[in-house]
Amino acid sequence: MEDVILFPKFRCIKLTALVAISTICISSLPQGLAQEQQPGFESEDTRIVAPRQSVPMQPARHVDPVVVLETSKGPIVIRLFEELAPNTVNNFIDLVNKGFYNGLNFHRREAGFVVQGGCPNGDGTGNYIDPTTNQPRYLKLEINPGLRHNSAGVVAMARSNHPDSASCQFYITLGAAPHLDGKYAVFGAVIRGLNVVHSLAIGDKIISATLQQPN
C-alpha cells in the first residue's frame, strides 16, 4: 500500500519518514528533557486537565425597611434595623401595617432629650391590645450593643419600669442620651426629616405611618 503524503508541496516527505525524524529529534534531546512531554506527543493518561473552578455566589446585601411618618409638621423617614433588632422591628411593622399609629399624637416632649408618641390613650398610659386575646401585647427587651443613643434621631421603644413592658409607644431622641444605652430597645433611626422631629410639640399628630419595602 502506498504511503499517504502529508505535505503535498514536498512529495519526498512521507509519513514513515516524518515518524522517523520525530523519533530522532526526541532521542537526541539532553537527558531529562527527552522525558518531558512535547506538544503533540502527550498520551491521554499523562495529560493533566485543570478542574474548572466555579465562582462563588455573593450573598445578597440586606436592605433595611423604611417607615414614613406623615405628621402635622411634615414627613419623618425612619430606617428600621431589621437584622439588629428583629423582634422589636417586627412588632413596629405589624402595628404600622394595622394602621395603629394613624391619628395618634405626640404626648411628650423634653427639650434636648426626646419626643414620644404612639399611645392610644394620648397621654402615655396606653398599650396595644391584641384583639385575639383582648390583652396588652408586651415585648421582651431586645438590646443590641451595636445600637446606641449616640445622636439625635435615634428611635427606640418606650416602656414602664419593667424591662419587658414595651408595647407600642416609641420615642425619638433630640440629642445623644448615652445613659439610656442597654436599658431601652433601639430599633431605628431618622434618615430624613430630623428638622421635623425637632419642631414637634405636644399634641402634634401622626397622620399616617406607611411601610416602604426595599426594592
Protein backbone atom coordinates (compact mmCIF):
# COMPACT_ATOMS: atom_id res chain seq x y z
CA MET A 1 0.00 0.00 0.00
CA GLU A 2 1.33 3.44 -0.91
CA ASP A 3 2.22 5.76 1.96
CA VAL A 4 -0.05 8.78 2.50
CA ILE A 5 1.61 12.10 1.67
CA LEU A 6 1.06 14.66 4.50
CA PHE A 7 2.63 17.65 2.77
CA PRO A 8 1.62 17.85 -0.94
CA LYS A 9 4.25 20.51 -1.73
CA PHE A 10 7.07 18.26 -0.55
CA ARG A 11 6.28 14.94 -2.19
CA CYS A 12 9.51 13.36 -0.97
CA ILE A 13 8.45 13.53 2.69
CA LYS A 14 6.07 10.76 3.64
CA LEU A 15 4.51 9.63 6.85
CA THR A 16 7.11 6.96 7.56
CA ALA A 17 9.90 9.50 7.18
CA LEU A 18 8.16 12.01 9.42
CA VAL A 19 7.79 9.46 12.22
CA ALA A 20 11.43 8.53 11.95
CA ILE A 21 12.57 12.17 12.08
CA SER A 22 10.39 12.79 15.11
CA THR A 23 11.90 9.81 16.91
CA ILE A 24 15.43 11.01 16.18
CA CYS A 25 14.66 14.55 17.39
CA ILE A 26 13.26 13.37 20.71
CA SER A 27 16.01 10.84 21.41
CA SER A 28 18.69 13.46 20.70
CA LEU A 29 17.47 15.83 23.41
CA PRO A 30 19.64 16.16 26.57
CA GLN A 31 18.85 13.65 29.30
CA GLY A 32 15.93 14.81 31.41
CA LEU A 33 14.37 16.91 28.67
CA ALA A 34 13.69 13.91 26.47
CA GLN A 35 11.31 12.57 29.14
CA GLU A 36 9.20 15.73 29.17
CA GLN A 37 6.01 15.60 27.17
CA GLN A 38 6.28 17.59 23.96
CA PRO A 39 3.32 19.30 22.35
CA GLY A 40 1.52 16.90 20.07
CA PHE A 41 3.11 13.80 21.61
CA GLU A 42 1.46 13.56 25.02
CA SER A 43 -0.59 10.48 25.84
CA GLU A 44 -4.04 10.77 27.32
CA ASP A 45 -3.10 9.07 30.58
CA THR A 46 -0.35 11.62 31.31
CA ARG A 47 -2.28 14.73 30.28
CA ILE A 48 -3.34 16.87 33.25
CA VAL A 49 -6.54 18.85 32.89
CA ALA A 50 -7.11 21.60 35.43
CA PRO A 51 -10.55 21.37 37.06
CA ARG A 52 -12.97 24.13 36.17
CA GLN A 53 -13.40 26.42 39.14
CA SER A 54 -16.82 27.89 39.86
CA VAL A 55 -17.10 31.49 41.06
CA PRO A 56 -18.83 31.57 44.47
CA MET A 57 -22.11 33.45 44.56
CA GLN A 58 -22.04 36.60 46.67
CA PRO A 59 -24.87 36.78 49.23
CA ALA A 60 -27.44 39.45 48.55
CA ARG A 61 -26.87 42.56 50.62
CA HIS A 62 -29.63 43.11 53.16
CA VAL A 63 -31.55 46.38 52.80
CA ASP A 64 -33.46 47.59 55.85
CA PRO A 65 -37.13 48.52 55.51
CA VAL A 66 -38.23 52.13 55.94
CA VAL A 67 -41.29 53.66 57.57
CA VAL A 68 -42.59 57.12 56.66
CA LEU A 69 -44.44 59.01 59.39
CA GLU A 70 -46.59 61.73 57.90
CA THR A 71 -47.04 64.20 60.75
CA SER A 72 -48.82 67.51 61.14
CA LYS A 73 -45.37 69.14 60.90
CA GLY A 74 -44.16 67.15 57.87
CA PRO A 75 -42.74 63.72 56.95
CA ILE A 76 -40.25 61.76 59.06
CA VAL A 77 -38.45 58.84 57.39
CA ILE A 78 -37.22 56.09 59.72
CA ARG A 79 -34.84 53.29 58.83
CA LEU A 80 -35.62 50.09 60.77
CA PHE A 81 -32.67 47.93 61.89
CA GLU A 82 -34.31 44.64 60.97
CA GLU A 83 -31.23 42.46 61.37
CA LEU A 84 -30.06 44.01 64.64
CA ALA A 85 -33.41 44.24 66.43
CA PRO A 86 -35.70 41.79 64.60
CA ASN A 87 -38.38 41.28 67.25
CA THR A 88 -38.82 44.97 68.00
CA VAL A 89 -38.85 45.86 64.31
CA ASN A 90 -41.41 43.14 63.53
CA ASN A 91 -43.69 44.48 66.27
CA PHE A 92 -43.41 48.04 64.92
CA ILE A 93 -44.05 46.92 61.33
CA ASP A 94 -47.07 44.91 62.43
CA LEU A 95 -48.58 47.97 64.13
CA VAL A 96 -47.81 50.17 61.12
CA ASN A 97 -49.47 47.68 58.76
CA LYS A 98 -52.51 47.55 61.04
CA GLY A 99 -52.84 51.35 60.85
CA PHE A 100 -52.45 51.52 64.62
CA TYR A 101 -50.44 54.75 64.65
CA ASN A 102 -52.67 56.67 62.24
CA GLY A 103 -54.21 59.65 64.03
CA LEU A 104 -52.26 59.26 67.29
CA ASN A 105 -50.41 62.22 68.78
CA PHE A 106 -47.06 63.04 70.34
CA HIS A 107 -47.87 63.36 74.03
CA ARG A 108 -44.39 64.09 75.42
CA ARG A 109 -41.55 66.43 74.58
CA GLU A 110 -38.48 67.20 76.64
CA ALA A 111 -36.17 69.78 75.08
CA GLY A 112 -32.82 68.31 74.10
CA PHE A 113 -33.92 64.84 75.17
CA VAL A 114 -36.87 63.10 73.41
CA VAL A 115 -40.26 63.39 71.76
CA GLN A 116 -42.61 60.48 72.41
CA GLY A 117 -45.76 59.18 70.73
CA GLY A 118 -47.73 56.09 69.80
CA CYS A 119 -50.01 55.95 72.86
CA PRO A 120 -53.63 55.00 72.02
CA ASN A 121 -54.83 57.00 75.06
CA GLY A 122 -52.84 60.07 74.06
CA ASP A 123 -51.27 60.53 77.49
CA GLY A 124 -48.57 57.83 77.83
CA THR A 125 -50.72 55.31 79.72
CA GLY A 126 -51.87 53.09 76.84
CA ASN A 127 -50.66 49.83 75.28
CA TYR A 128 -51.55 47.86 72.19
CA ILE A 129 -54.40 45.47 72.96
CA ASP A 130 -54.21 42.28 70.93
CA PRO A 131 -57.72 41.70 69.52
CA THR A 132 -57.26 37.93 69.57
CA THR A 133 -56.63 37.85 73.33
CA ASN A 134 -58.01 41.23 74.48
CA GLN A 135 -54.78 41.56 76.45
CA PRO A 136 -51.89 44.02 76.12
CA ARG A 137 -49.04 42.81 73.93
CA TYR A 138 -45.66 43.35 75.52
CA LEU A 139 -42.17 42.89 74.12
CA LYS A 140 -39.18 41.26 75.72
CA LEU A 141 -36.43 43.85 76.00
CA GLU A 142 -34.16 43.47 72.94
CA ILE A 143 -30.73 45.05 73.37
CA ASN A 144 -28.04 45.08 70.70
CA PRO A 145 -24.70 46.56 71.82
CA GLY A 146 -24.21 47.99 68.33
CA LEU A 147 -27.28 50.21 68.68
CA ARG A 148 -26.79 53.20 70.96
CA HIS A 149 -28.40 56.53 71.82
CA ASN A 150 -25.44 58.38 70.33
CA SER A 151 -27.15 61.24 68.47
CA ALA A 152 -30.42 62.95 67.68
CA GLY A 153 -32.81 60.88 65.58
CA VAL A 154 -32.42 57.54 67.38
CA VAL A 155 -35.76 55.66 67.56
CA ALA A 156 -36.47 53.32 70.48
CA MET A 157 -39.35 51.74 72.39
CA ALA A 158 -40.69 53.49 75.47
CA ARG A 159 -41.64 51.37 78.49
CA SER A 160 -42.51 51.50 82.16
CA ASN A 161 -40.19 50.40 84.96
CA HIS A 162 -40.35 46.72 83.99
CA PRO A 163 -37.77 45.97 81.25
CA ASP A 164 -40.25 43.81 79.31
CA SER A 165 -43.15 46.30 79.32
CA ALA A 166 -42.68 47.99 75.91
CA SER A 167 -45.75 47.68 73.73
CA CYS A 168 -46.45 50.40 71.15
CA GLN A 169 -45.10 53.73 72.37
CA PHE A 170 -41.82 54.94 70.90
CA TYR A 171 -39.54 57.92 71.29
CA ILE A 172 -37.12 59.82 69.06
CA THR A 173 -34.06 61.40 70.63
CA LEU A 174 -33.33 65.12 70.26
CA GLY A 175 -29.69 64.61 71.20
CA ALA A 176 -27.29 61.98 72.46
CA ALA A 177 -28.56 60.09 75.52
CA PRO A 178 -25.92 57.51 76.46
CA HIS A 179 -27.49 56.91 79.90
CA LEU A 180 -30.31 55.06 78.08
CA ASP A 181 -27.98 52.55 76.42
CA GLY A 182 -28.67 48.96 77.45
CA LYS A 183 -31.98 49.90 79.07
CA TYR A 184 -34.26 50.66 76.12
CA ALA A 185 -34.62 48.86 72.79
CA VAL A 186 -33.21 50.92 69.93
CA PHE A 187 -34.68 49.74 66.63
CA GLY A 188 -34.39 52.57 64.11
CA ALA A 189 -33.01 55.95 63.12
CA VAL A 190 -34.35 59.01 61.35
CA ILE A 191 -32.73 59.29 57.91
CA ARG A 192 -34.83 62.22 56.63
CA GLY A 193 -36.92 64.83 58.41
CA LEU A 194 -34.79 65.37 61.51
CA ASN A 195 -35.74 69.06 61.31
CA VAL A 196 -39.38 67.95 61.57
CA VAL A 197 -38.55 65.91 64.68
CA HIS A 198 -37.00 68.98 66.33
CA SER A 199 -40.10 71.02 65.54
CA LEU A 200 -42.60 68.59 67.07
CA ALA A 201 -44.65 69.76 70.03
CA ILE A 202 -47.10 68.07 72.38
CA GLY A 203 -50.35 67.49 70.51
CA ASP A 204 -48.81 67.20 67.02
CA LYS A 205 -50.28 64.22 65.21
CA ILE A 206 -49.13 61.21 63.26
CA ILE A 207 -51.41 61.49 60.25
CA SER A 208 -50.27 58.15 58.83
CA ALA A 209 -47.46 55.60 59.11
CA THR A 210 -46.53 53.69 55.95
CA LEU A 211 -44.07 50.85 55.40
CA GLN A 212 -41.84 51.10 52.33
CA GLN A 213 -40.25 47.77 51.49
CA PRO A 214 -36.76 47.92 49.93
CA ASN A 215 -36.57 47.40 46.16
